[in-house]
Amino acid sequence: MSNTEARSEMVDAPVTEEHDADGIQVIEPKDVALGGADALRVRRTLPSLRRSFVGAWCFADHYGPEQGVCMDVPPHPHTGLQTVSWLFDGEIEHRDSGGVHSMVRPGEVNLMTSGYGIAHSEVSTPATDRLHGVQLWVVLPQESKDLVREFQHHVPEVYDEQGVRAKVLIGSLASVVSPIRTETPLLGAEVILDAGATWEVAVEAGHEHGVLVDSGQVDFDGVRLDRSVLGVRDAGLDHLRLTNPTDRPARIMLLGGEPFDEGVVMWWNFIGRSHEDIVRLREEWNQAPEDRFGAVSGYRGATPRLEAPPLPADLRLKRRFRRGRQ
């Protein structure tokens, strides 16, 4: 799932206070409708006014469980990023201009690299009447921003320790290593904690780490996080402690990565390095989409493709950094 908002909102993110490795920054979600009145609603924690990235993770939408809501996202573009799709329930059909036709299913990670440019569509299958999952983006560093489009698929095995079950999508955790390739060091994992369970696990001290709660409540290094809330800890410690204080299982997405210090411009489904980059990308998509982004074959929806919305008048887009914009 991608950013299908017809009006791409501009939010100035001021530089916030510094954080230390022992502190948890708590980011409340923003409710966003992807389309019209009947569209799927998501809870967005990245980017936010308070933080732009966790490692190179730059976008996090949490949605569902939604009953009777379908997804039908016509072909639309991406540049300068990788999308990571992860479902808890449902099934989504993916088609892209790299010629890939694949299903997104629970417990299976799909990573799509846009690089120089890609177009894709996402449609929930007819048998799907319940959707529940997360959509995540990873920003590509300057030297990799124009990569050739690519698609990776992996079905992680379950790491099972007393009271804890984890699936490692990306990176390594608890001796499990994912084969998914990324351009910066990252961690992505689904973790389920049984009622009352505590898990202390080794992590990379040089990485930032975020905990996004899907269900239940979780204490992240002693800080209570509720559903759809993202807790972030800066780099510095080589372990983290997760506790489920409730009498039911809790599920989280654990995100981590080496701090990403480059400045980027994020607007709609594009990532560039300047206002001029975004202006050019928007024009290329709206005027001659197949030249840069290619064509998506097999999409059968009523709308052939999404148009990029108008840019805000008389306003230059600013670069976004880890702790704001400048």
C-alpha atoms as a PDB file:
ATOM      1  CA  MET A   1       0.000   0.000   0.000  1.00  0.00           C
ATOM      2  CA  SER A   2       1.224   3.444  -0.855  1.00  0.00           C
ATOM      3  CA  ASN A   3       0.440   7.080  -0.297  1.00  0.00           C
ATOM      4  CA  THR A   4      -2.750   7.593  -2.321  1.00  0.00           C
ATOM      5  CA  GLU A   5      -3.747  10.924  -0.782  1.00  0.00           C
ATOM      6  CA  ALA A   6      -5.065  13.244  -3.496  1.00  0.00           C
ATOM      7  CA  ARG A   7      -3.702  16.225  -1.583  1.00  0.00           C
ATOM      8  CA  SER A   8      -0.210  15.626  -0.303  1.00  0.00           C
ATOM      9  CA  GLU A   9      -0.017  17.461   2.990  1.00  0.00           C
ATOM     10  CA  MET A  10       2.945  19.671   3.785  1.00  0.00           C
ATOM     11  CA  VAL A  11       4.129  19.464   7.384  1.00  0.00           C
ATOM     12  CA  ASP A  12       7.147  21.379   8.602  1.00  0.00           C
ATOM     13  CA  ALA A  13       9.059  19.211  11.049  1.00  0.00           C
ATOM     14  CA  PRO A  14      11.161  21.399  13.350  1.00  0.00           C
ATOM     15  CA  VAL A  15      14.354  20.094  14.894  1.00  0.00           C
ATOM     16  CA  THR A  16      13.388  18.496  18.195  1.00  0.00           C
ATOM     17  CA  GLU A  17      15.190  17.977  21.463  1.00  0.00           C
ATOM     18  CA  GLU A  18      18.138  15.617  21.637  1.00  0.00           C
ATOM     19  CA  HIS A  19      17.574  12.134  23.047  1.00  0.00           C
ATOM     20  CA  ASP A  20      19.911   9.763  24.838  1.00  0.00           C
ATOM     21  CA  ALA A  21      20.245   6.011  24.473  1.00  0.00           C
ATOM     22  CA  ASP A  22      18.411   5.381  27.738  1.00  0.00           C
ATOM     23  CA  GLY A  23      15.329   7.402  26.721  1.00  0.00           C
ATOM     24  CA  ILE A  24      12.329   6.321  24.635  1.00  0.00           C
ATOM     25  CA  GLN A  25      10.721   8.800  22.268  1.00  0.00           C
ATOM     26  CA  VAL A  26       6.979   8.080  22.040  1.00  0.00           C
ATOM     27  CA  ILE A  27       5.262   8.918  18.737  1.00  0.00           C
ATOM     28  CA  GLU A  28       1.473   8.832  18.585  1.00  0.00           C
ATOM     29  CA  PRO A  29      -0.105   7.818  15.255  1.00  0.00           C
ATOM     30  CA  LYS A  30      -1.879  10.133  12.841  1.00  0.00           C
ATOM     31  CA  ASP A  31      -5.137   8.854  11.299  1.00  0.00           C
ATOM     32  CA  VAL A  32      -5.044   9.020   7.478  1.00  0.00           C
ATOM     33  CA  ALA A  33      -7.681   8.022   4.893  1.00  0.00           C
ATOM     34  CA  LEU A  34      -6.203   6.547   1.718  1.00  0.00           C
ATOM     35  CA  GLY A  35      -8.645   7.933  -0.807  1.00  0.00           C
ATOM     36  CA  GLY A  36     -12.360   8.736  -0.427  1.00  0.00           C
ATOM     37  CA  ALA A  37     -14.880   8.318   2.362  1.00  0.00           C
ATOM     38  CA  ASP A  38     -14.969   4.505   2.085  1.00  0.00           C
ATOM     39  CA  ALA A  39     -11.198   4.117   1.789  1.00  0.00           C
ATOM     40  CA  LEU A  40      -8.970   2.123   4.058  1.00  0.00           C
ATOM     41  CA  ARG A  41      -7.820   4.170   7.046  1.00  0.00           C
ATOM     42  CA  VAL A  42      -4.274   3.841   8.331  1.00  0.00           C
ATOM     43  CA  ARG A  43      -2.405   4.969  11.421  1.00  0.00           C
ATOM     44  CA  ARG A  44       0.838   6.705  10.423  1.00  0.00           C
ATOM     45  CA  THR A  45       3.775   7.205  12.786  1.00  0.00           C
ATOM     46  CA  LEU A  46       6.578   7.895  10.279  1.00  0.00           C
ATOM     47  CA  PRO A  47       7.265  10.515   9.152  1.00  0.00           C
ATOM     48  CA  SER A  48       6.044  12.689  12.002  1.00  0.00           C
ATOM     49  CA  LEU A  49       6.598  16.163  13.354  1.00  0.00           C
ATOM     50  CA  ARG A  50       8.936  14.677  15.937  1.00  0.00           C
ATOM     51  CA  ARG A  51      10.962  12.232  13.873  1.00  0.00           C
ATOM     52  CA  SER A  52      11.630  11.477  10.202  1.00  0.00           C
ATOM     53  CA  PHE A  53      13.542   8.180  10.331  1.00  0.00           C
ATOM     54  CA  VAL A  54      14.369   5.128  12.404  1.00  0.00           C
ATOM     55  CA  GLY A  55      17.566   4.047  10.735  1.00  0.00           C
ATOM     56  CA  ALA A  56      16.615   4.355   7.061  1.00  0.00           C
ATOM     57  CA  TRP A  57      12.968   3.441   7.778  1.00  0.00           C
ATOM     58  CA  CYS A  58      11.154   6.577   6.629  1.00  0.00           C
ATOM     59  CA  PHE A  59       7.457   5.649   6.426  1.00  0.00           C
ATOM     60  CA  ALA A  60       5.253   3.444   8.607  1.00  0.00           C
ATOM     61  CA  ASP A  61       1.520   2.843   8.121  1.00  0.00           C
ATOM     62  CA  HIS A  62      -0.381   0.434  10.380  1.00  0.00           C
ATOM     63  CA  TYR A  63      -3.837  -0.664   9.249  1.00  0.00           C
ATOM     64  CA  GLY A  64      -6.627  -3.021  10.339  1.00  0.00           C
ATOM     65  CA  PRO A  65      -7.928  -5.346  11.281  1.00  0.00           C
ATOM     66  CA  GLU A  66     -10.585  -4.104   8.864  1.00  0.00           C
ATOM     67  CA  GLN A  67     -13.545  -6.307   7.939  1.00  0.00           C
ATOM     68  CA  GLY A  68     -15.194  -5.888   4.538  1.00  0.00           C
ATOM     69  CA  VAL A  69     -12.762  -3.218   3.311  1.00  0.00           C
ATOM     70  CA  CYS A  70     -10.962  -3.918   0.068  1.00  0.00           C
ATOM     71  CA  MET A  71      -7.774  -2.414  -1.307  1.00  0.00           C
ATOM     72  CA  ASP A  72      -7.611  -1.265  -4.920  1.00  0.00           C
ATOM     73  CA  VAL A  73      -4.640   1.011  -5.570  1.00  0.00           C
ATOM     74  CA  PRO A  74      -4.143   1.738  -9.300  1.00  0.00           C
ATOM     75  CA  PRO A  75      -0.652   1.935 -10.825  1.00  0.00           C
ATOM     76  CA  HIS A  76       1.389   4.669  -9.157  1.00  0.00           C
ATOM     77  CA  PRO A  77       5.095   5.568  -9.033  1.00  0.00           C
ATOM     78  CA  HIS A  78       7.978   5.407  -6.576  1.00  0.00           C
ATOM     79  CA  THR A  79      11.550   6.683  -6.672  1.00  0.00           C
ATOM     80  CA  GLY A  80      14.518   6.587  -4.302  1.00  0.00           C
ATOM     81  CA  LEU A  81      13.081   4.034  -1.884  1.00  0.00           C
ATOM     82  CA  GLN A  82      12.258   0.423  -1.089  1.00  0.00           C
ATOM     83  CA  THR A  83       8.762  -0.648  -0.011  1.00  0.00           C
ATOM     84  CA  VAL A  84       8.298  -3.423   2.552  1.00  0.00           C
ATOM     85  CA  SER A  85       4.877  -5.103   2.714  1.00  0.00           C
ATOM     86  CA  TRP A  86       3.923  -7.280   5.710  1.00  0.00           C
ATOM     87  CA  LEU A  87       0.472  -8.711   6.366  1.00  0.00           C
ATOM     88  CA  PHE A  88      -1.078 -10.252   9.464  1.00  0.00           C
ATOM     89  CA  ASP A  89      -4.369 -11.055   7.676  1.00  0.00           C
ATOM     90  CA  GLY A  90      -5.600 -10.936   4.082  1.00  0.00           C
ATOM     91  CA  GLU A  91      -4.022 -11.251   0.658  1.00  0.00           C
ATOM     92  CA  ILE A  92      -2.945  -8.562  -1.828  1.00  0.00           C
ATOM     93  CA  GLU A  93      -2.064  -8.935  -5.498  1.00  0.00           C
ATOM     94  CA  HIS A  94       1.049  -7.003  -6.531  1.00  0.00           C
ATOM     95  CA  ARG A  95       1.943  -6.076 -10.109  1.00  0.00           C
ATOM     96  CA  ASP A  96       4.832  -3.822 -11.114  1.00  0.00           C
ATOM     97  CA  SER A  97       6.585  -2.385 -14.146  1.00  0.00           C
ATOM     98  CA  GLY A  98       9.501  -4.743 -13.600  1.00  0.00           C
ATOM     99  CA  GLY A  99       7.204  -7.520 -14.786  1.00  0.00           C
ATOM    100  CA  VAL A 100       6.605  -8.964 -11.315  1.00  0.00           C
ATOM    101  CA  HIS A 101       3.210 -10.455 -10.453  1.00  0.00           C
ATOM    102  CA  SER A 102       3.162 -11.709  -6.864  1.00  0.00           C
ATOM    103  CA  MET A 103       0.867 -12.210  -3.899  1.00  0.00           C
ATOM    104  CA  VAL A 104       1.422 -10.534  -0.541  1.00  0.00           C
ATOM    105  CA  ARG A 105       0.411 -13.052   2.156  1.00  0.00           C
ATOM    106  CA  PRO A 106       0.633 -13.139   5.956  1.00  0.00           C
ATOM    107  CA  GLY A 107       4.088 -14.062   7.194  1.00  0.00           C
ATOM    108  CA  GLU A 108       5.767 -13.416   3.831  1.00  0.00           C
ATOM    109  CA  VAL A 109       7.849 -10.297   3.239  1.00  0.00           C
ATOM    110  CA  ASN A 110       7.939  -8.540  -0.127  1.00  0.00           C
ATOM    111  CA  LEU A 111      10.553  -5.851  -0.691  1.00  0.00           C
ATOM    112  CA  MET A 112      10.293  -3.756  -3.853  1.00  0.00           C
ATOM    113  CA  THR A 113      13.163  -1.493  -4.908  1.00  0.00           C
ATOM    114  CA  SER A 114      12.080   1.550  -6.899  1.00  0.00           C
ATOM    115  CA  GLY A 115      15.494   3.117  -7.409  1.00  0.00           C
ATOM    116  CA  TYR A 116      15.415   5.257 -10.569  1.00  0.00           C
ATOM    117  CA  GLY A 117      11.696   4.605 -10.948  1.00  0.00           C
ATOM    118  CA  ILE A 118       8.998   1.958 -10.740  1.00  0.00           C
ATOM    119  CA  ALA A 119       5.215   1.777 -10.996  1.00  0.00           C
ATOM    120  CA  HIS A 120       3.020  -0.805  -9.277  1.00  0.00           C
ATOM    121  CA  SER A 121      -0.557  -1.651  -8.323  1.00  0.00           C
ATOM    122  CA  GLU A 122      -1.965  -3.323  -5.211  1.00  0.00           C
ATOM    123  CA  VAL A 123      -5.359  -5.043  -5.066  1.00  0.00           C
ATOM    124  CA  SER A 124      -6.793  -7.236  -2.334  1.00  0.00           C
ATOM    125  CA  THR A 125      -7.934 -10.612  -3.711  1.00  0.00           C
ATOM    126  CA  PRO A 126     -11.663 -11.445  -4.011  1.00  0.00           C
ATOM    127  CA  ALA A 127     -11.485 -13.974  -1.173  1.00  0.00           C
ATOM    128  CA  THR A 128     -10.062 -11.351   1.208  1.00  0.00           C
ATOM    129  CA  ASP A 129     -12.630  -9.805   3.550  1.00  0.00           C
ATOM    130  CA  ARG A 130     -10.204  -8.860   6.323  1.00  0.00           C
ATOM    131  CA  LEU A 131      -7.086  -6.704   5.949  1.00  0.00           C
ATOM    132  CA  HIS A 132      -4.477  -6.196   8.654  1.00  0.00           C
ATOM    133  CA  GLY A 133      -0.835  -5.291   8.278  1.00  0.00           C
ATOM    134  CA  VAL A 134       1.869  -2.668   7.927  1.00  0.00           C
ATOM    135  CA  GLN A 135       3.357  -0.835   4.962  1.00  0.00           C
ATOM    136  CA  LEU A 136       6.904   0.414   5.434  1.00  0.00           C
ATOM    137  CA  TRP A 137       9.339   2.402   3.301  1.00  0.00           C
ATOM    138  CA  VAL A 138      13.129   2.510   3.380  1.00  0.00           C
ATOM    139  CA  VAL A 139      14.968   5.507   1.953  1.00  0.00           C
ATOM    140  CA  LEU A 140      17.853   4.675  -0.375  1.00  0.00           C
ATOM    141  CA  PRO A 141      21.185   6.453   0.227  1.00  0.00           C
ATOM    142  CA  GLN A 142      22.569   8.881  -2.339  1.00  0.00           C
ATOM    143  CA  GLU A 143      24.853   6.326  -3.994  1.00  0.00           C
ATOM    144  CA  SER A 144      21.973   3.844  -4.445  1.00  0.00           C
ATOM    145  CA  LYS A 145      19.040   6.147  -5.215  1.00  0.00           C
ATOM    146  CA  ASP A 146      19.003   5.254  -8.937  1.00  0.00           C
ATOM    147  CA  LEU A 147      19.180   1.469  -8.599  1.00  0.00           C
ATOM    148  CA  VAL A 148      17.513  -0.755 -11.178  1.00  0.00           C
ATOM    149  CA  ARG A 149      14.008  -1.791 -10.076  1.00  0.00           C
ATOM    150  CA  GLU A 150      13.903  -5.109  -8.251  1.00  0.00           C
ATOM    151  CA  PHE A 151      11.561  -7.347  -6.210  1.00  0.00           C
ATOM    152  CA  GLN A 152      12.560  -9.683  -3.353  1.00  0.00           C
ATOM    153  CA  HIS A 153      10.410 -12.252  -1.546  1.00  0.00           C
ATOM    154  CA  HIS A 154      11.154 -14.229   1.618  1.00  0.00           C
ATOM    155  CA  VAL A 155       9.202 -16.481   3.998  1.00  0.00           C
ATOM    156  CA  PRO A 156      10.948 -16.230   7.388  1.00  0.00           C
ATOM    157  CA  GLU A 157      10.908 -19.140   9.786  1.00  0.00           C
ATOM    158  CA  VAL A 158       9.617 -18.660  13.317  1.00  0.00           C
ATOM    159  CA  TYR A 159      12.181 -18.129  16.059  1.00  0.00           C
ATOM    160  CA  ASP A 160      10.581 -19.705  19.140  1.00  0.00           C
ATOM    161  CA  GLU A 161      11.891 -19.061  22.626  1.00  0.00           C
ATOM    162  CA  GLN A 162       9.936 -19.456  25.847  1.00  0.00           C
ATOM    163  CA  GLY A 163       7.148 -16.895  25.654  1.00  0.00           C
ATOM    164  CA  VAL A 164       8.477 -15.266  22.448  1.00  0.00           C
ATOM    165  CA  ARG A 165       7.971 -15.924  18.733  1.00  0.00           C
ATOM    166  CA  ALA A 166       9.738 -13.815  16.134  1.00  0.00           C
ATOM    167  CA  LYS A 167       9.960 -13.634  12.350  1.00  0.00           C
ATOM    168  CA  VAL A 168      12.945 -11.737  10.987  1.00  0.00           C
ATOM    169  CA  LEU A 169      12.020  -9.917   7.772  1.00  0.00           C
ATOM    170  CA  ILE A 170      15.257  -7.988   7.302  1.00  0.00           C
ATOM    171  CA  GLY A 171      18.648  -8.039   9.010  1.00  0.00           C
ATOM    172  CA  SER A 172      19.510 -10.269  11.952  1.00  0.00           C
ATOM    173  CA  LEU A 173      18.067 -10.865  15.410  1.00  0.00           C
ATOM    174  CA  ALA A 174      18.574 -13.613  17.982  1.00  0.00           C
ATOM    175  CA  SER A 175      20.916 -15.580  15.661  1.00  0.00           C
ATOM    176  CA  VAL A 176      18.396 -15.483  12.776  1.00  0.00           C
ATOM    177  CA  VAL A 177      19.565 -13.801   9.549  1.00  0.00           C
ATOM    178  CA  SER A 178      17.274 -12.755   6.687  1.00  0.00           C
ATOM    179  CA  PRO A 179      18.520 -13.073   3.082  1.00  0.00           C
ATOM    180  CA  ILE A 180      16.713  -9.863   2.039  1.00  0.00           C
ATOM    181  CA  ARG A 181      19.220  -7.305   0.727  1.00  0.00           C
ATOM    182  CA  THR A 182      19.115  -3.642   1.699  1.00  0.00           C
ATOM    183  CA  GLU A 183      21.419  -0.723   0.928  1.00  0.00           C
ATOM    184  CA  THR A 184      21.905   0.320   4.568  1.00  0.00           C
ATOM    185  CA  PRO A 185      22.115  -1.894   7.687  1.00  0.00           C
ATOM    186  CA  LEU A 186      18.554  -2.541   8.880  1.00  0.00           C
ATOM    187  CA  LEU A 187      16.450  -4.704  11.165  1.00  0.00           C
ATOM    188  CA  GLY A 188      12.813  -5.594  10.664  1.00  0.00           C
ATOM    189  CA  ALA A 189      10.979  -8.268  12.649  1.00  0.00           C
ATOM    190  CA  GLU A 190       7.538  -9.290  13.863  1.00  0.00           C
ATOM    191  CA  VAL A 191       7.608 -10.285  17.542  1.00  0.00           C
ATOM    192  CA  ILE A 192       4.807 -11.896  19.571  1.00  0.00           C
ATOM    193  CA  LEU A 193       5.112 -11.885  23.360  1.00  0.00           C
ATOM    194  CA  ASP A 194       2.954 -14.222  25.416  1.00  0.00           C
ATOM    195  CA  ALA A 195       1.003 -12.856  28.375  1.00  0.00           C
ATOM    196  CA  GLY A 196       3.405 -11.668  31.064  1.00  0.00           C
ATOM    197  CA  ALA A 197       6.515 -12.506  29.006  1.00  0.00           C
ATOM    198  CA  THR A 198       9.731 -10.481  29.110  1.00  0.00           C
ATOM    199  CA  TRP A 199      12.373 -10.699  26.398  1.00  0.00           C
ATOM    200  CA  GLU A 200      15.812  -9.153  26.667  1.00  0.00           C
ATOM    201  CA  VAL A 201      17.598  -9.464  23.353  1.00  0.00           C
ATOM    202  CA  ALA A 202      20.961  -8.347  21.992  1.00  0.00           C
ATOM    203  CA  VAL A 203      20.900  -5.714  19.240  1.00  0.00           C
ATOM    204  CA  GLU A 204      23.438  -3.584  17.377  1.00  0.00           C
ATOM    205  CA  ALA A 205      24.586  -0.793  19.688  1.00  0.00           C
ATOM    206  CA  GLY A 206      25.160   1.499  16.712  1.00  0.00           C
ATOM    207  CA  HIS A 207      21.553   1.233  15.553  1.00  0.00           C
ATOM    208  CA  GLU A 208      18.409   3.160  16.417  1.00  0.00           C
ATOM    209  CA  HIS A 209      15.442   0.951  17.314  1.00  0.00           C
ATOM    210  CA  GLY A 210      11.705   1.425  17.067  1.00  0.00           C
ATOM    211  CA  VAL A 211       8.844  -0.642  18.505  1.00  0.00           C
ATOM    212  CA  LEU A 212       5.468  -0.309  16.746  1.00  0.00           C
ATOM    213  CA  VAL A 213       2.676  -2.031  18.676  1.00  0.00           C
ATOM    214  CA  ASP A 214       0.173  -3.947  16.562  1.00  0.00           C
ATOM    215  CA  SER A 215      -1.918  -5.472  19.353  1.00  0.00           C
ATOM    216  CA  GLY A 216      -1.965  -5.348  23.146  1.00  0.00           C
ATOM    217  CA  GLN A 217       0.465  -3.284  25.199  1.00  0.00           C
ATOM    218  CA  VAL A 218       4.242  -3.539  25.453  1.00  0.00           C
ATOM    219  CA  ASP A 219       6.790  -2.017  27.801  1.00  0.00           C
ATOM    220  CA  PHE A 220       9.840  -0.989  25.776  1.00  0.00           C
ATOM    221  CA  ASP A 221      12.752  -0.565  28.193  1.00  0.00           C
ATOM    222  CA  GLY A 222      10.185   0.270  30.863  1.00  0.00           C
ATOM    223  CA  VAL A 223       8.089   2.703  28.786  1.00  0.00           C
ATOM    224  CA  ARG A 224       4.461   1.630  28.174  1.00  0.00           C
ATOM    225  CA  LEU A 225       3.363   1.640  24.532  1.00  0.00           C
ATOM    226  CA  ASP A 226      -0.241   1.180  23.396  1.00  0.00           C
ATOM    227  CA  ARG A 227      -1.627  -0.066  20.076  1.00  0.00           C
ATOM    228  CA  SER A 228      -0.316   1.737  16.979  1.00  0.00           C
ATOM    229  CA  VAL A 229       2.137   3.802  19.050  1.00  0.00           C
ATOM    230  CA  LEU A 230       5.796   3.879  17.996  1.00  0.00           C
ATOM    231  CA  GLY A 231       8.522   4.008  20.638  1.00  0.00           C
ATOM    232  CA  VAL A 232      12.037   4.907  19.439  1.00  0.00           C
ATOM    233  CA  ARG A 233      15.384   4.627  21.166  1.00  0.00           C
ATOM    234  CA  ASP A 234      18.525   6.235  19.812  1.00  0.00           C
ATOM    235  CA  ALA A 235      21.731   4.290  19.224  1.00  0.00           C
ATOM    236  CA  GLY A 236      24.003   3.471  22.126  1.00  0.00           C
ATOM    237  CA  LEU A 237      22.854   0.302  23.923  1.00  0.00           C
ATOM    238  CA  ASP A 238      23.539  -3.270  22.822  1.00  0.00           C
ATOM    239  CA  HIS A 239      20.285  -4.795  24.055  1.00  0.00           C
ATOM    240  CA  LEU A 240      16.615  -3.988  24.449  1.00  0.00           C
ATOM    241  CA  ARG A 241      13.995  -5.240  26.878  1.00  0.00           C
ATOM    242  CA  LEU A 242      10.395  -5.981  25.869  1.00  0.00           C
ATOM    243  CA  THR A 243       7.675  -6.905  28.365  1.00  0.00           C
ATOM    244  CA  ASN A 244       4.025  -7.782  27.858  1.00  0.00           C
ATOM    245  CA  PRO A 245       2.285  -6.557  31.043  1.00  0.00           C
ATOM    246  CA  THR A 246      -1.141  -7.925  30.066  1.00  0.00           C
ATOM    247  CA  ASP A 247      -2.902 -11.298  30.286  1.00  0.00           C
ATOM    248  CA  ARG A 248      -3.110 -11.648  26.492  1.00  0.00           C
ATOM    249  CA  PRO A 249      -0.452 -12.009  23.761  1.00  0.00           C
ATOM    250  CA  ALA A 250       0.986  -8.792  22.318  1.00  0.00           C
ATOM    251  CA  ARG A 251       2.420  -8.295  18.855  1.00  0.00           C
ATOM    252  CA  ILE A 252       4.908  -5.677  17.698  1.00  0.00           C
ATOM    253  CA  MET A 253       6.972  -4.725  14.680  1.00  0.00           C
ATOM    254  CA  LEU A 254      10.596  -4.150  15.672  1.00  0.00           C
ATOM    255  CA  LEU A 255      12.441  -1.754  13.357  1.00  0.00           C
ATOM    256  CA  GLY A 256      16.082  -0.763  13.567  1.00  0.00           C
ATOM    257  CA  GLY A 257      18.973   0.534  11.585  1.00  0.00           C
ATOM    258  CA  GLU A 258      22.127   2.567  11.355  1.00  0.00           C
ATOM    259  CA  PRO A 259      21.247   6.273  11.775  1.00  0.00           C
ATOM    260  CA  PHE A 260      20.485   7.841   8.395  1.00  0.00           C
ATOM    261  CA  ASP A 261      22.022  11.312   8.264  1.00  0.00           C
ATOM    262  CA  GLU A 262      21.350  12.364   4.677  1.00  0.00           C
ATOM    263  CA  GLY A 263      18.756  14.999   3.886  1.00  0.00           C
ATOM    264  CA  VAL A 264      15.934  13.963   1.540  1.00  0.00           C
ATOM    265  CA  VAL A 265      12.732  15.472   0.200  1.00  0.00           C
ATOM    266  CA  MET A 266       9.698  13.200   0.685  1.00  0.00           C
ATOM    267  CA  TRP A 267       6.532  14.127  -1.198  1.00  0.00           C
ATOM    268  CA  TRP A 268       3.666  11.857  -2.238  1.00  0.00           C
ATOM    269  CA  ASN A 269       5.340   8.634  -3.484  1.00  0.00           C
ATOM    270  CA  PHE A 270       8.629  10.245  -4.440  1.00  0.00           C
ATOM    271  CA  ILE A 271      11.902  10.642  -2.593  1.00  0.00           C
ATOM    272  CA  GLY A 272      14.390  13.110  -4.042  1.00  0.00           C
ATOM    273  CA  ARG A 273      17.209  15.347  -2.853  1.00  0.00           C
ATOM    274  CA  SER A 274      15.736  18.738  -3.725  1.00  0.00           C
ATOM    275  CA  HIS A 275      12.533  20.612  -4.545  1.00  0.00           C
ATOM    276  CA  GLU A 276      13.568  20.559  -8.195  1.00  0.00           C
ATOM    277  CA  ASP A 277      13.857  16.742  -8.110  1.00  0.00           C
ATOM    278  CA  ILE A 278      10.239  16.440  -6.995  1.00  0.00           C
ATOM    279  CA  VAL A 279       8.977  18.938  -9.580  1.00  0.00           C
ATOM    280  CA  ARG A 280      10.707  16.954 -12.329  1.00  0.00           C
ATOM    281  CA  LEU A 281       9.507  13.555 -11.071  1.00  0.00           C
ATOM    282  CA  ARG A 282       5.929  14.763 -10.817  1.00  0.00           C
ATOM    283  CA  GLU A 283       6.011  16.114 -14.366  1.00  0.00           C
ATOM    284  CA  GLU A 284       7.565  12.928 -15.733  1.00  0.00           C
ATOM    285  CA  TRP A 285       4.926  10.745 -14.089  1.00  0.00           C
ATOM    286  CA  ASN A 286       1.955  12.882 -15.121  1.00  0.00           C
ATOM    287  CA  GLN A 287       3.110  13.610 -18.681  1.00  0.00           C
ATOM    288  CA  ALA A 288       5.050  10.528 -19.860  1.00  0.00           C
ATOM    289  CA  PRO A 289       4.943   7.881 -17.121  1.00  0.00           C
ATOM    290  CA  GLU A 290       6.243   4.937 -19.130  1.00  0.00           C
ATOM    291  CA  ASP A 291       9.463   6.709 -20.132  1.00  0.00           C
ATOM    292  CA  ARG A 292      10.903   6.596 -16.602  1.00  0.00           C
ATOM    293  CA  PHE A 293       8.580   4.357 -14.576  1.00  0.00           C
ATOM    294  CA  GLY A 294       7.504   1.697 -17.070  1.00  0.00           C
ATOM    295  CA  ALA A 295       4.071   0.120 -17.524  1.00  0.00           C
ATOM    296  CA  VAL A 296       2.107  -2.159 -15.185  1.00  0.00           C
ATOM    297  CA  SER A 297       0.513  -5.046 -17.076  1.00  0.00           C
ATOM    298  CA  GLY A 298      -2.628  -6.835 -15.971  1.00  0.00           C
ATOM    299  CA  TYR A 299      -4.239  -4.232 -13.708  1.00  0.00           C
ATOM    300  CA  ARG A 300      -8.008  -4.346 -14.284  1.00  0.00           C
ATOM    301  CA  GLY A 301      -9.314  -1.436 -12.195  1.00  0.00           C
ATOM    302  CA  ALA A 302     -11.480   1.413 -13.433  1.00  0.00           C
ATOM    303  CA  THR A 303      -8.717   4.023 -13.013  1.00  0.00           C
ATOM    304  CA  PRO A 304      -5.721   3.348 -15.299  1.00  0.00           C
ATOM    305  CA  ARG A 305      -3.267   5.058 -12.941  1.00  0.00           C
ATOM    306  CA  LEU A 306      -3.069   7.599 -10.141  1.00  0.00           C
ATOM    307  CA  GLU A 307      -2.125  11.148 -11.084  1.00  0.00           C
ATOM    308  CA  ALA A 308       0.408  12.919  -8.896  1.00  0.00           C
ATOM    309  CA  PRO A 309      -1.425  15.680  -6.981  1.00  0.00           C
ATOM    310  CA  PRO A 310      -0.610  19.385  -7.440  1.00  0.00           C
ATOM    311  CA  LEU A 311       2.400  20.741  -5.630  1.00  0.00           C
ATOM    312  CA  PRO A 312       1.703  23.455  -3.050  1.00  0.00           C
ATOM    313  CA  ALA A 313       1.737  26.849  -4.715  1.00  0.00           C
ATOM    314  CA  ASP A 314       4.546  29.302  -3.887  1.00  0.00           C
ATOM    315  CA  LEU A 315       6.185  26.897  -1.450  1.00  0.00           C
ATOM    316  CA  ARG A 316       9.518  25.152  -1.772  1.00  0.00           C
ATOM    317  CA  LEU A 317       9.746  21.631  -0.403  1.00  0.00           C
ATOM    318  CA  LYS A 318      12.354  21.317   2.321  1.00  0.00           C
ATOM    319  CA  ARG A 319      14.799  18.543   2.961  1.00  0.00           C
ATOM    320  CA  ARG A 320      13.882  16.211   5.796  1.00  0.00           C
ATOM    321  CA  PHE A 321      16.515  15.001   8.237  1.00  0.00           C
ATOM    322  CA  ARG A 322      16.389  12.580  11.154  1.00  0.00           C
ATOM    323  CA  ARG A 323      15.180  15.258  13.540  1.00  0.00           C
ATOM    324  CA  GLY A 324      13.306  17.617  11.291  1.00  0.00           C
ATOM    325  CA  ARG A 325      13.787  19.731   8.175  1.00  0.00           C
ATOM    326  CA  GLN A 326      16.029  22.540   6.981  1.00  0.00           C
END
